[in-house]
Structure formats: C-alpha cells, structure tokens
Amino acid sequence: MEKQHKIRTGKVISNKMNKTVIVAVETPKHHPLYHKAIKRTVNYMAHDEKSQCGPGDVVNIIETRPLSKVKRWRISEIITKGQVIEVRPSEIS
C-alpha cells in the first residue's frame, strides 16, 4: 500500500533562490465563536528542479522527503503562469 502524499495549491511569491521557490498557501477557516471566515496563509519552501516558476504562478506542491533544513515540498505542476508587472520608481511620478 502506497502512502498518500499531501498536496497543496498556492501562489509563488519568490523565486530568488537557486532551485527553490516560496509558495503561499491560503486556507479559509471559520472562527469558532464568531463564525467569520478567516484566511490563514502559510509559506512553504518548495523544490523547483528546472527553476521554471516565477512570481505570481499558481502551482501544486507535493510533500516529499526532507531535501534541506527547511524544504519538505516539491513543485508537482504549474497550473497557471502569473503576470507580474515591474514598475520603475521613475515611472510612478
């Protein structure tokens, strides 16, 4: 019997490290007393072997063996590519 690995869907917020991206995963929960919806955001470091993810991409990450001190996830697929617009400070004013 094969072990089922955890799968999460999140948005890449940083790809500045070599073969590593930071993925923000939002989980909606309800407050136990006030029943208001609360978004809980957790950042995971995930292994990106080909360095093909960029900021704004929506990706699936899958749990794996420890790859480093903090990396326990790897990118399984890129769902959508993100559109990030870079603006220089001179263009603002």
PDB file of N, CA and C in Angstrom:
ATOM      1  N   MET A   1       0.842  -1.173   0.000  1.00  0.00           N
ATOM      2  CA  MET A   1       0.000   0.000   0.000  1.00  0.00           C
ATOM      3  C   MET A   1       0.891   1.241   0.000  1.00  0.00           C
ATOM      4  N   GLU A   2       0.653   2.118  -0.967  1.00  0.00           N
ATOM      5  CA  GLU A   2       1.473   3.313  -1.118  1.00  0.00           C
ATOM      6  C   GLU A   2       0.914   4.440  -0.264  1.00  0.00           C
ATOM      7  N   LYS A   3       1.818   5.200   0.341  1.00  0.00           N
ATOM      8  CA  LYS A   3       1.412   6.313   1.193  1.00  0.00           C
ATOM      9  C   LYS A   3       0.914   7.477   0.348  1.00  0.00           C
ATOM     10  N   GLN A   4      -0.196   8.077   0.760  1.00  0.00           N
ATOM     11  CA  GLN A   4      -0.729   9.243   0.066  1.00  0.00           C
ATOM     12  C   GLN A   4       0.013  10.491   0.557  1.00  0.00           C
ATOM     13  N   HIS A   5       0.566  11.245  -0.378  1.00  0.00           N
ATOM     14  CA  HIS A   5       1.278  12.468  -0.033  1.00  0.00           C
ATOM     15  C   HIS A   5       0.308  13.639  -0.008  1.00  0.00           C
ATOM     16  N   LYS A   6       0.597  14.617   0.863  1.00  0.00           N
ATOM     17  CA  LYS A   6      -0.226  15.810   0.928  1.00  0.00           C
ATOM     18  C   LYS A   6       0.022  16.663  -0.306  1.00  0.00           C
ATOM     19  N   ILE A   7      -1.022  17.254  -0.831  1.00  0.00           N
ATOM     20  CA  ILE A   7      -0.924  18.146  -1.986  1.00  0.00           C
ATOM     21  C   ILE A   7      -1.575  19.471  -1.610  1.00  0.00           C
ATOM     22  N   ARG A   8      -0.900  20.567  -1.924  1.00  0.00           N
ATOM     23  CA  ARG A   8      -1.415  21.908  -1.650  1.00  0.00           C
ATOM     24  C   ARG A   8      -1.356  22.728  -2.933  1.00  0.00           C
ATOM     25  N   THR A   9      -2.247  23.704  -3.054  1.00  0.00           N
ATOM     26  CA  THR A   9      -2.246  24.627  -4.183  1.00  0.00           C
ATOM     27  C   THR A   9      -1.974  26.019  -3.646  1.00  0.00           C
ATOM     28  N   GLY A  10      -1.013  26.707  -4.245  1.00  0.00           N
ATOM     29  CA  GLY A  10      -0.658  28.028  -3.757  1.00  0.00           C
ATOM     30  C   GLY A  10      -0.045  28.882  -4.841  1.00  0.00           C
ATOM     31  N   LYS A  11       0.356  30.078  -4.435  1.00  0.00           N
ATOM     32  CA  LYS A  11       0.896  31.066  -5.361  1.00  0.00           C
ATOM     33  C   LYS A  11       2.367  31.299  -5.037  1.00  0.00           C
ATOM     34  N   VAL A  12       3.211  31.317  -6.077  1.00  0.00           N
ATOM     35  CA  VAL A  12       4.639  31.562  -5.885  1.00  0.00           C
ATOM     36  C   VAL A  12       4.830  33.036  -5.559  1.00  0.00           C
ATOM     37  N   ILE A  13       5.514  33.327  -4.445  1.00  0.00           N
ATOM     38  CA  ILE A  13       5.754  34.716  -4.076  1.00  0.00           C
ATOM     39  C   ILE A  13       7.217  35.105  -4.230  1.00  0.00           C
ATOM     40  N   SER A  14       8.125  34.122  -4.345  1.00  0.00           N
ATOM     41  CA  SER A  14       9.538  34.442  -4.525  1.00  0.00           C
ATOM     42  C   SER A  14      10.234  33.279  -5.215  1.00  0.00           C
ATOM     43  N   ASN A  15      11.162  33.616  -6.133  1.00  0.00           N
ATOM     44  CA  ASN A  15      11.975  32.593  -6.782  1.00  0.00           C
ATOM     45  C   ASN A  15      13.438  33.026  -6.822  1.00  0.00           C
ATOM     46  N   LYS A  16      13.882  33.770  -5.833  1.00  0.00           N
ATOM     47  CA  LYS A  16      15.226  34.342  -5.840  1.00  0.00           C
ATOM     48  C   LYS A  16      16.317  33.353  -5.449  1.00  0.00           C
ATOM     49  N   MET A  17      15.938  32.206  -4.918  1.00  0.00           N
ATOM     50  CA  MET A  17      16.927  31.192  -4.549  1.00  0.00           C
ATOM     51  C   MET A  17      17.123  30.211  -5.704  1.00  0.00           C
ATOM     52  N   ASN A  18      18.242  29.534  -5.690  1.00  0.00           N
ATOM     53  CA  ASN A  18      18.560  28.572  -6.736  1.00  0.00           C
ATOM     54  C   ASN A  18      17.766  27.279  -6.511  1.00  0.00           C
ATOM     55  N   LYS A  19      16.916  26.896  -7.470  1.00  0.00           N
ATOM     56  CA  LYS A  19      16.093  25.683  -7.429  1.00  0.00           C
ATOM     57  C   LYS A  19      15.110  25.650  -6.261  1.00  0.00           C
ATOM     58  N   THR A  20      14.769  26.804  -5.708  1.00  0.00           N
ATOM     59  CA  THR A  20      13.837  26.872  -4.589  1.00  0.00           C
ATOM     60  C   THR A  20      12.876  28.025  -4.801  1.00  0.00           C
ATOM     61  N   VAL A  21      11.606  27.797  -4.529  1.00  0.00           N
ATOM     62  CA  VAL A  21      10.609  28.863  -4.572  1.00  0.00           C
ATOM     63  C   VAL A  21       9.851  28.882  -3.251  1.00  0.00           C
ATOM     64  N   ILE A  22       9.289  30.035  -2.935  1.00  0.00           N
ATOM     65  CA  ILE A  22       8.439  30.150  -1.758  1.00  0.00           C
ATOM     66  C   ILE A  22       6.999  30.234  -2.254  1.00  0.00           C
ATOM     67  N   VAL A  23       6.161  29.339  -1.744  1.00  0.00           N
ATOM     68  CA  VAL A  23       4.766  29.242  -2.164  1.00  0.00           C
ATOM     69  C   VAL A  23       3.873  29.601  -0.990  1.00  0.00           C
ATOM     70  N   ALA A  24       2.960  30.570  -1.210  1.00  0.00           N
ATOM     71  CA  ALA A  24       1.994  30.970  -0.189  1.00  0.00           C
ATOM     72  C   ALA A  24       0.705  30.195  -0.406  1.00  0.00           C
ATOM     73  N   VAL A  25       0.273  29.460   0.615  1.00  0.00           N
ATOM     74  CA  VAL A  25      -0.949  28.658   0.543  1.00  0.00           C
ATOM     75  C   VAL A  25      -1.958  29.262   1.511  1.00  0.00           C
ATOM     76  N   GLU A  26      -3.123  29.656   0.978  1.00  0.00           N
ATOM     77  CA  GLU A  26      -4.187  30.227   1.807  1.00  0.00           C
ATOM     78  C   GLU A  26      -5.212  29.157   2.139  1.00  0.00           C
ATOM     79  N   THR A  27      -5.593  29.085   3.407  1.00  0.00           N
ATOM     80  CA  THR A  27      -6.592  28.128   3.854  1.00  0.00           C
ATOM     81  C   THR A  27      -7.723  28.891   4.539  1.00  0.00           C
ATOM     82  N   PRO A  28      -8.946  28.835   4.006  1.00  0.00           N
ATOM     83  CA  PRO A  28     -10.056  29.514   4.677  1.00  0.00           C
ATOM     84  C   PRO A  28     -10.558  28.687   5.864  1.00  0.00           C
ATOM     85  N   LYS A  29     -10.772  29.355   6.980  1.00  0.00           N
ATOM     86  CA  LYS A  29     -11.313  28.705   8.169  1.00  0.00           C
ATOM     87  C   LYS A  29     -12.384  29.611   8.765  1.00  0.00           C
ATOM     88  N   HIS A  30     -13.240  29.030   9.589  1.00  0.00           N
ATOM     89  CA  HIS A  30     -14.252  29.813  10.283  1.00  0.00           C
ATOM     90  C   HIS A  30     -13.837  29.993  11.738  1.00  0.00           C
ATOM     91  N   HIS A  31     -14.058  31.203  12.242  1.00  0.00           N
ATOM     92  CA  HIS A  31     -13.761  31.483  13.645  1.00  0.00           C
ATOM     93  C   HIS A  31     -14.708  30.658  14.512  1.00  0.00           C
ATOM     94  N   PRO A  32     -14.172  30.008  15.559  1.00  0.00           N
ATOM     95  CA  PRO A  32     -15.028  29.106  16.346  1.00  0.00           C
ATOM     96  C   PRO A  32     -16.181  29.802  17.078  1.00  0.00           C
ATOM     97  N   LEU A  33     -16.008  31.057  17.464  1.00  0.00           N
ATOM     98  CA  LEU A  33     -17.053  31.753  18.206  1.00  0.00           C
ATOM     99  C   LEU A  33     -17.880  32.666  17.304  1.00  0.00           C
ATOM    100  N   TYR A  34     -17.206  33.459  16.463  1.00  0.00           N
ATOM    101  CA  TYR A  34     -17.913  34.480  15.675  1.00  0.00           C
ATOM    102  C   TYR A  34     -18.312  33.996  14.281  1.00  0.00           C
ATOM    103  N   HIS A  35     -17.866  32.820  13.867  1.00  0.00           N
ATOM    104  CA  HIS A  35     -18.233  32.203  12.597  1.00  0.00           C
ATOM    105  C   HIS A  35     -17.897  33.064  11.384  1.00  0.00           C
ATOM    106  N   LYS A  36     -16.907  33.926  11.528  1.00  0.00           N
ATOM    107  CA  LYS A  36     -16.457  34.741  10.400  1.00  0.00           C
ATOM    108  C   LYS A  36     -15.348  33.987   9.671  1.00  0.00           C
ATOM    109  N   ALA A  37     -15.337  34.102   8.340  1.00  0.00           N
ATOM    110  CA  ALA A  37     -14.302  33.424   7.557  1.00  0.00           C
ATOM    111  C   ALA A  37     -12.969  34.132   7.736  1.00  0.00           C
ATOM    112  N   ILE A  38     -11.930  33.350   8.022  1.00  0.00           N
ATOM    113  CA  ILE A  38     -10.583  33.871   8.230  1.00  0.00           C
ATOM    114  C   ILE A  38      -9.665  33.174   7.239  1.00  0.00           C
ATOM    115  N   LYS A  39      -8.782  33.949   6.573  1.00  0.00           N
ATOM    116  CA  LYS A  39      -7.798  33.349   5.680  1.00  0.00           C
ATOM    117  C   LYS A  39      -6.509  33.140   6.450  1.00  0.00           C
ATOM    118  N   ARG A  40      -6.021  31.938   6.446  1.00  0.00           N
ATOM    119  CA  ARG A  40      -4.747  31.616   7.093  1.00  0.00           C
ATOM    120  C   ARG A  40      -3.743  31.367   5.986  1.00  0.00           C
ATOM    121  N   THR A  41      -2.624  32.104   5.981  1.00  0.00           N
ATOM    122  CA  THR A  41      -1.606  31.966   4.950  1.00  0.00           C
ATOM    123  C   THR A  41      -0.356  31.337   5.537  1.00  0.00           C
ATOM    124  N   VAL A  42       0.125  30.280   4.885  1.00  0.00           N
ATOM    125  CA  VAL A  42       1.345  29.588   5.303  1.00  0.00           C
ATOM    126  C   VAL A  42       2.296  29.593   4.113  1.00  0.00           C
ATOM    127  N   ASN A  43       3.565  29.942   4.353  1.00  0.00           N
ATOM    128  CA  ASN A  43       4.569  29.926   3.297  1.00  0.00           C
ATOM    129  C   ASN A  43       5.369  28.633   3.375  1.00  0.00           C
ATOM    130  N   TYR A  44       5.475  27.945   2.232  1.00  0.00           N
ATOM    131  CA  TYR A  44       6.251  26.723   2.136  1.00  0.00           C
ATOM    132  C   TYR A  44       7.407  26.945   1.173  1.00  0.00           C
ATOM    133  N   MET A  45       8.577  26.385   1.498  1.00  0.00           N
ATOM    134  CA  MET A  45       9.688  26.379   0.563  1.00  0.00           C
ATOM    135  C   MET A  45       9.587  25.084  -0.233  1.00  0.00           C
ATOM    136  N   ALA A  46       9.588  25.219  -1.552  1.00  0.00           N
ATOM    137  CA  ALA A  46       9.410  24.060  -2.417  1.00  0.00           C
ATOM    138  C   ALA A  46      10.557  23.961  -3.407  1.00  0.00           C
ATOM    139  N   HIS A  47      10.889  22.727  -3.758  1.00  0.00           N
ATOM    140  CA  HIS A  47      11.979  22.454  -4.690  1.00  0.00           C
ATOM    141  C   HIS A  47      11.472  22.590  -6.122  1.00  0.00           C
ATOM    142  N   ASP A  48      12.177  23.393  -6.923  1.00  0.00           N
ATOM    143  CA  ASP A  48      11.844  23.607  -8.330  1.00  0.00           C
ATOM    144  C   ASP A  48      13.077  23.241  -9.142  1.00  0.00           C
ATOM    145  N   GLU A  49      13.157  21.990  -9.588  1.00  0.00           N
ATOM    146  CA  GLU A  49      14.372  21.442 -10.197  1.00  0.00           C
ATOM    147  C   GLU A  49      14.841  22.244 -11.407  1.00  0.00           C
ATOM    148  N   LYS A  50      13.922  22.655 -12.282  1.00  0.00           N
ATOM    149  CA  LYS A  50      14.302  23.344 -13.514  1.00  0.00           C
ATOM    150  C   LYS A  50      14.229  24.860 -13.393  1.00  0.00           C
ATOM    151  N   SER A  51      13.904  25.379 -12.222  1.00  0.00           N
ATOM    152  CA  SER A  51      13.767  26.826 -11.984  1.00  0.00           C
ATOM    153  C   SER A  51      12.848  27.467 -13.019  1.00  0.00           C
ATOM    154  N   GLN A  52      11.682  26.872 -13.238  1.00  0.00           N
ATOM    155  CA  GLN A  52      10.763  27.385 -14.244  1.00  0.00           C
ATOM    156  C   GLN A  52       9.602  28.179 -13.664  1.00  0.00           C
ATOM    157  N   CYS A  53       9.476  28.246 -12.340  1.00  0.00           N
ATOM    158  CA  CYS A  53       8.398  29.012 -11.720  1.00  0.00           C
ATOM    159  C   CYS A  53       8.821  30.460 -11.522  1.00  0.00           C
ATOM    160  N   GLY A  54       7.858  31.360 -11.669  1.00  0.00           N
ATOM    161  CA  GLY A  54       8.105  32.776 -11.441  1.00  0.00           C
ATOM    162  C   GLY A  54       7.081  33.329 -10.470  1.00  0.00           C
ATOM    163  N   PRO A  55       7.309  34.537  -9.970  1.00  0.00           N
ATOM    164  CA  PRO A  55       6.342  35.138  -9.047  1.00  0.00           C
ATOM    165  C   PRO A  55       4.968  35.279  -9.697  1.00  0.00           C
ATOM    166  N   GLY A  56       3.926  34.940  -8.947  1.00  0.00           N
ATOM    167  CA  GLY A  56       2.565  35.019  -9.453  1.00  0.00           C
ATOM    168  C   GLY A  56       2.027  33.731 -10.029  1.00  0.00           C
ATOM    169  N   ASP A  57       2.876  32.729 -10.235  1.00  0.00           N
ATOM    170  CA  ASP A  57       2.412  31.448 -10.771  1.00  0.00           C
ATOM    171  C   ASP A  57       1.586  30.714  -9.722  1.00  0.00           C
ATOM    172  N   VAL A  58       0.526  30.055 -10.164  1.00  0.00           N
ATOM    173  CA  VAL A  58      -0.264  29.188  -9.282  1.00  0.00           C
ATOM    174  C   VAL A  58       0.217  27.764  -9.528  1.00  0.00           C
ATOM    175  N   VAL A  59       0.654  27.098  -8.448  1.00  0.00           N
ATOM    176  CA  VAL A  59       1.281  25.783  -8.577  1.00  0.00           C
ATOM    177  C   VAL A  59       0.686  24.785  -7.588  1.00  0.00           C
ATOM    178  N   ASN A  60       0.863  23.506  -7.894  1.00  0.00           N
ATOM    179  CA  ASN A  60       0.571  22.420  -6.953  1.00  0.00           C
ATOM    180  C   ASN A  60       1.897  21.978  -6.361  1.00  0.00           C
ATOM    181  N   ILE A  61       1.946  21.835  -5.037  1.00  0.00           N
ATOM    182  CA  ILE A  61       3.139  21.307  -4.390  1.00  0.00           C
ATOM    183  C   ILE A  61       2.769  20.003  -3.708  1.00  0.00           C
ATOM    184  N   ILE A  62       3.736  19.096  -3.629  1.00  0.00           N
ATOM    185  CA  ILE A  62       3.502  17.776  -3.050  1.00  0.00           C
ATOM    186  C   ILE A  62       4.549  17.523  -1.977  1.00  0.00           C
ATOM    187  N   GLU A  63       4.126  16.882  -0.907  1.00  0.00           N
ATOM    188  CA  GLU A  63       5.024  16.582   0.202  1.00  0.00           C
ATOM    189  C   GLU A  63       6.040  15.529  -0.227  1.00  0.00           C
ATOM    190  N   THR A  64       7.284  15.690   0.213  1.00  0.00           N
ATOM    191  CA  THR A  64       8.344  14.765  -0.163  1.00  0.00           C
ATOM    192  C   THR A  64       9.295  14.596   1.018  1.00  0.00           C
ATOM    193  N   ARG A  65      10.330  13.803   0.814  1.00  0.00           N
ATOM    194  CA  ARG A  65      11.330  13.611   1.871  1.00  0.00           C
ATOM    195  C   ARG A  65      12.058  14.929   2.121  1.00  0.00           C
ATOM    196  N   PRO A  66      12.724  15.101   3.262  1.00  0.00           N
ATOM    197  CA  PRO A  66      13.459  16.340   3.509  1.00  0.00           C
ATOM    198  C   PRO A  66      14.582  16.532   2.481  1.00  0.00           C
ATOM    199  N   LEU A  67      14.543  17.666   1.792  1.00  0.00           N
ATOM    200  CA  LEU A  67      15.550  17.979   0.792  1.00  0.00           C
ATOM    201  C   LEU A  67      16.614  18.922   1.336  1.00  0.00           C
ATOM    202  N   SER A  68      16.295  19.664   2.384  1.00  0.00           N
ATOM    203  CA  SER A  68      17.252  20.533   3.064  1.00  0.00           C
ATOM    204  C   SER A  68      16.704  20.788   4.463  1.00  0.00           C
ATOM    205  N   LYS A  69      17.267  21.772   5.137  1.00  0.00           N
ATOM    206  CA  LYS A  69      16.835  22.062   6.512  1.00  0.00           C
ATOM    207  C   LYS A  69      15.360  22.474   6.568  1.00  0.00           C
ATOM    208  N   VAL A  70      14.888  23.216   5.568  1.00  0.00           N
ATOM    209  CA  VAL A  70      13.514  23.717   5.595  1.00  0.00           C
ATOM    210  C   VAL A  70      12.653  23.248   4.426  1.00  0.00           C
ATOM    211  N   LYS A  71      13.219  22.590   3.413  1.00  0.00           N
ATOM    212  CA  LYS A  71      12.443  22.159   2.239  1.00  0.00           C
ATOM    213  C   LYS A  71      11.910  20.744   2.420  1.00  0.00           C
ATOM    214  N   ARG A  72      10.575  20.636   2.436  1.00  0.00           N
ATOM    215  CA  ARG A  72       9.910  19.330   2.505  1.00  0.00           C
ATOM    216  C   ARG A  72       8.859  19.188   1.426  1.00  0.00           C
ATOM    217  N   TRP A  73       8.836  20.089   0.450  1.00  0.00           N
ATOM    218  CA  TRP A  73       7.842  20.095  -0.614  1.00  0.00           C
ATOM    219  C   TRP A  73       8.552  20.245  -1.956  1.00  0.00           C
ATOM    220  N   ARG A  74       7.895  19.782  -3.027  1.00  0.00           N
ATOM    221  CA  ARG A  74       8.418  19.999  -4.373  1.00  0.00           C
ATOM    222  C   ARG A  74       7.263  20.367  -5.290  1.00  0.00           C
ATOM    223  N   ILE A  75       7.598  21.073  -6.365  1.00  0.00           N
ATOM    224  CA  ILE A  75       6.591  21.503  -7.331  1.00  0.00           C
ATOM    225  C   ILE A  75       6.159  20.276  -8.142  1.00  0.00           C
ATOM    226  N   SER A  76       4.847  19.991  -8.174  1.00  0.00           N
ATOM    227  CA  SER A  76       4.373  18.873  -8.984  1.00  0.00           C
ATOM    228  C   SER A  76       3.874  19.356 -10.340  1.00  0.00           C
ATOM    229  N   GLU A  77       3.219  20.520 -10.379  1.00  0.00           N
ATOM    230  CA  GLU A  77       2.789  21.065 -11.664  1.00  0.00           C
ATOM    231  C   GLU A  77       2.520  22.562 -11.540  1.00  0.00           C
ATOM    232  N   ILE A  78       2.678  23.250 -12.669  1.00  0.00           N
ATOM    233  CA  ILE A  78       2.337  24.670 -12.740  1.00  0.00           C
ATOM    234  C   ILE A  78       0.941  24.750 -13.349  1.00  0.00           C
ATOM    235  N   ILE A  79       0.002  25.318 -12.610  1.00  0.00           N
ATOM    236  CA  ILE A  79      -1.380  25.397 -13.081  1.00  0.00           C
ATOM    237  C   ILE A  79      -1.543  26.585 -14.035  1.00  0.00           C
ATOM    238  N   THR A  80      -1.151  27.784 -13.583  1.00  0.00           N
ATOM    239  CA  THR A  80      -1.197  28.965 -14.449  1.00  0.00           C
ATOM    240  C   THR A  80       0.060  29.788 -14.235  1.00  0.00           C
ATOM    241  N   LYS A  81       0.525  30.410 -15.317  1.00  0.00           N
ATOM    242  CA  LYS A  81       1.668  31.307 -15.228  1.00  0.00           C
ATOM    243  C   LYS A  81       1.162  32.675 -14.799  1.00  0.00           C
ATOM    244  N   GLY A  82       1.905  33.337 -13.896  1.00  0.00           N
ATOM    245  CA  GLY A  82       1.490  34.629 -13.378  1.00  0.00           C
ATOM    246  C   GLY A  82       1.945  35.776 -14.247  1.00  0.00           C
ATOM    247  N   GLN A  83       1.190  36.858 -14.204  1.00  0.00           N
ATOM    248  CA  GLN A  83       1.542  38.078 -14.913  1.00  0.00           C
ATOM    249  C   GLN A  83       1.961  39.108 -13.875  1.00  0.00           C
ATOM    250  N   VAL A  84       3.278  39.324 -13.750  1.00  0.00           N
ATOM    251  CA  VAL A  84       3.805  40.291 -12.796  1.00  0.00           C
ATOM    252  C   VAL A  84       4.371  41.455 -13.575  1.00  0.00           C
ATOM    253  N   ILE A  85       3.902  42.661 -13.273  1.00  0.00           N
ATOM    254  CA  ILE A  85       4.358  43.860 -13.971  1.00  0.00           C
ATOM    255  C   ILE A  85       5.361  44.575 -13.077  1.00  0.00           C
ATOM    256  N   GLU A  86       6.557  44.802 -13.615  1.00  0.00           N
ATOM    257  CA  GLU A  86       7.581  45.520 -12.864  1.00  0.00           C
ATOM    258  C   GLU A  86       7.516  46.987 -13.236  1.00  0.00           C
ATOM    259  N   VAL A  87       7.486  47.863 -12.227  1.00  0.00           N
ATOM    260  CA  VAL A  87       7.413  49.295 -12.443  1.00  0.00           C
ATOM    261  C   VAL A  87       8.627  49.943 -11.806  1.00  0.00           C
ATOM    262  N   ARG A  88       9.312  50.776 -12.581  1.00  0.00           N
ATOM    263  CA  ARG A  88      10.457  51.520 -12.040  1.00  0.00           C
ATOM    264  C   ARG A  88       9.954  52.721 -11.257  1.00  0.00           C
ATOM    265  N   PRO A  89      10.701  53.175 -10.245  1.00  0.00           N
ATOM    266  CA  PRO A  89      10.273  54.343  -9.472  1.00  0.00           C
ATOM    267  C   PRO A  89      10.112  55.606 -10.325  1.00  0.00           C
ATOM    268  N   SER A  90      10.887  55.721 -11.408  1.00  0.00           N
ATOM    269  CA  SER A  90      10.781  56.915 -12.260  1.00  0.00           C
ATOM    270  C   SER A  90       9.452  56.938 -13.034  1.00  0.00           C
ATOM    271  N   GLU A  91       8.836  55.765 -13.257  1.00  0.00           N
ATOM    272  CA  GLU A  91       7.581  55.697 -13.994  1.00  0.00           C
ATOM    273  C   GLU A  91       6.373  56.061 -13.130  1.00  0.00           C
ATOM    274  N   ILE A  92       6.535  56.048 -11.811  1.00  0.00           N
ATOM    275  CA  ILE A  92       5.419  56.319 -10.914  1.00  0.00           C
ATOM    276  C   ILE A  92       5.053  57.797 -10.934  1.00  0.00           C
ATOM    277  N   SER A  93       6.072  58.658 -10.830  1.00  0.00           N
ATOM    278  CA  SER A  93       5.778  60.102 -10.767  1.00  0.00           C
ATOM    279  C   SER A  93       5.700  60.757 -12.123  1.00  0.00           C
TER     280      SER A  93
END
